[in-house]
Protein backbone atom coordinates (compact mmCIF):
# COMPACT_ATOMS: atom_id res chain seq x y z
CA MET A 1 12.43 -5.49 -0.48
CA ASN A 2 13.92 -8.66 0.89
CA ALA A 3 11.51 -9.62 3.69
CA LYS A 4 11.76 -13.38 4.02
CA THR A 5 8.97 -14.00 6.53
CA LEU A 6 5.31 -13.02 6.62
CA GLY A 7 5.98 -11.02 9.79
CA GLU A 8 8.77 -9.08 8.08
CA ARG A 9 6.46 -8.28 5.17
CA VAL A 10 3.73 -7.06 7.55
CA LYS A 11 6.32 -4.86 9.28
CA PHE A 12 7.51 -3.58 5.91
CA VAL A 13 3.98 -2.50 4.98
CA ARG A 14 3.59 -0.72 8.33
CA LYS A 15 6.88 1.12 7.95
CA LYS A 16 6.13 1.95 4.30
CA HIS A 17 3.07 3.82 5.57
CA ASP A 18 5.04 5.53 8.37
CA MET A 19 2.82 4.06 11.07
CA THR A 20 3.51 3.06 14.63
CA GLN A 21 2.62 -0.43 15.79
CA VAL A 22 -0.21 1.03 17.85
CA ASN A 23 -1.82 2.89 14.93
CA PHE A 24 -1.24 0.10 12.42
CA ALA A 25 -2.65 -2.52 14.79
CA LYS A 26 -5.69 -0.35 15.45
CA SER A 27 -6.31 0.00 11.69
CA LEU A 28 -6.26 -3.80 11.39
CA GLY A 29 -8.52 -4.35 14.41
CA ILE A 30 -5.88 -6.09 16.51
CA SER A 31 -3.84 -5.18 19.57
CA GLN A 32 -0.33 -3.76 19.43
CA ALA A 33 0.88 -6.87 21.30
CA ASN A 34 -0.67 -9.12 18.65
CA LEU A 35 0.95 -7.07 15.87
CA SER A 36 4.30 -7.28 17.64
CA GLU A 37 4.01 -11.07 17.78
CA ILE A 38 3.09 -11.21 14.09
CA GLU A 39 6.02 -8.99 13.07
CA SER A 40 8.46 -11.02 15.16
CA GLY A 41 7.16 -14.31 13.73
CA LYS A 42 5.83 -15.59 17.06
CA SER A 43 2.28 -15.76 15.69
CA THR A 44 0.50 -15.82 12.35
CA PRO A 45 -2.12 -13.26 11.37
CA SER A 46 -5.69 -14.43 10.92
CA ILE A 47 -7.26 -14.45 7.47
CA GLU A 48 -9.28 -11.41 8.54
CA VAL A 49 -6.10 -9.47 9.31
CA LEU A 50 -4.56 -10.51 5.99
CA VAL A 51 -7.67 -9.40 4.10
CA SER A 52 -7.67 -6.11 5.99
CA LEU A 53 -4.03 -5.54 5.01
CA VAL A 54 -4.76 -6.27 1.37
CA VAL A 55 -7.84 -4.06 1.22
CA GLN A 56 -6.72 -1.10 3.33
CA TYR A 57 -3.12 -0.88 2.16
CA LYS A 58 -3.57 -2.17 -1.41
CA VAL A 59 -1.00 -4.90 -0.82
CA ASN A 60 -0.66 -7.76 -3.28
CA LEU A 61 -1.91 -10.87 -1.44
CA HIS A 62 0.42 -13.15 -3.38
CA TRP A 63 3.40 -11.07 -2.24
CA LEU A 64 2.16 -10.88 1.33
CA ILE A 65 1.74 -14.61 1.75
CA LEU A 66 4.38 -16.04 -0.59
CA SER A 67 6.85 -13.17 -1.04
CA GLU A 68 6.49 -13.40 -4.81
CA GLU A 69 5.69 -10.69 -7.34
CA MET A 70 5.58 -7.04 -6.47
CA LEU A 71 4.46 -5.52 -3.19
CA TYR A 72 1.66 -3.68 -4.98
CA THR A 73 0.02 -4.61 -8.22
CA LYS A 74 1.83 -1.56 -9.49
CA GLU A 75 3.84 0.21 -6.86
CA ILE A 76 2.58 3.76 -6.51
CA GLU A 77 4.81 6.52 -5.18
CA LYS A 78 3.54 9.04 -2.62
CA ASP A 79 3.40 11.85 -5.18
CA GLU A 80 1.30 9.64 -7.48
CA VAL A 81 -1.14 8.98 -4.64
CA GLU A 82 -1.38 12.73 -4.08
CA LEU A 83 -2.05 13.33 -7.78
CA ILE A 84 -4.79 10.71 -7.81
CA SER A 85 -6.36 12.26 -4.73
CA PHE A 86 -6.40 15.72 -6.33
CA TYR A 87 -7.68 14.32 -9.64
CA ARG A 88 -10.62 12.62 -7.94
CA GLN A 89 -11.70 15.94 -6.45
CA LEU A 90 -12.04 17.60 -9.86
CA GLU A 91 -15.18 18.11 -11.93
CA ASP A 92 -15.39 15.94 -15.07
CA ILE A 93 -14.46 18.78 -17.42
CA ALA A 94 -11.37 19.56 -15.35
CA LYS A 95 -10.40 15.87 -15.41
CA GLU A 96 -10.51 15.95 -19.21
CA GLU A 97 -8.27 19.03 -19.22
CA VAL A 98 -5.76 17.31 -16.93
CA ILE A 99 -5.64 14.25 -19.19
CA ASP A 100 -5.14 16.46 -22.27
CA TYR A 101 -2.33 18.34 -20.49
CA ILE A 102 -0.58 15.10 -19.53
CA LYS A 103 -0.85 13.81 -23.10
CA LEU A 104 0.80 17.00 -24.36
CA LYS A 105 3.60 16.64 -21.83
CA LEU A 106 4.13 13.03 -22.85
CA MET A 107 4.45 13.99 -26.47
CA ARG A 108 6.95 16.73 -25.61
CA TYR A 109 9.07 14.82 -23.11
CA LYS A 110 8.72 11.23 -24.28
CA LYS A 111 11.76 9.15 -23.31
């Protein structure tokens, strides 16, 4: 990811989540026109918009503002997000079984 401006980084986050400007803007509580101006560098997002981006999309604030460090604290792939979602739906005993299964797989297929 080589987004040099804040607007480019905002656009990158939107595209990473496969969202249109209309839907992304709505999720941030701003208009599509405002988002368009932010992405093009014609305006700067408010602190409220930045906080919303960080909270809703789990974006690293340091990266968003300064373009340093990783996009996410630890970048999570879509399949990992799906696994976490499924895991959270399980009963505690089933969660323990999943963890045991993963530990076995790690021992067997350790790189």
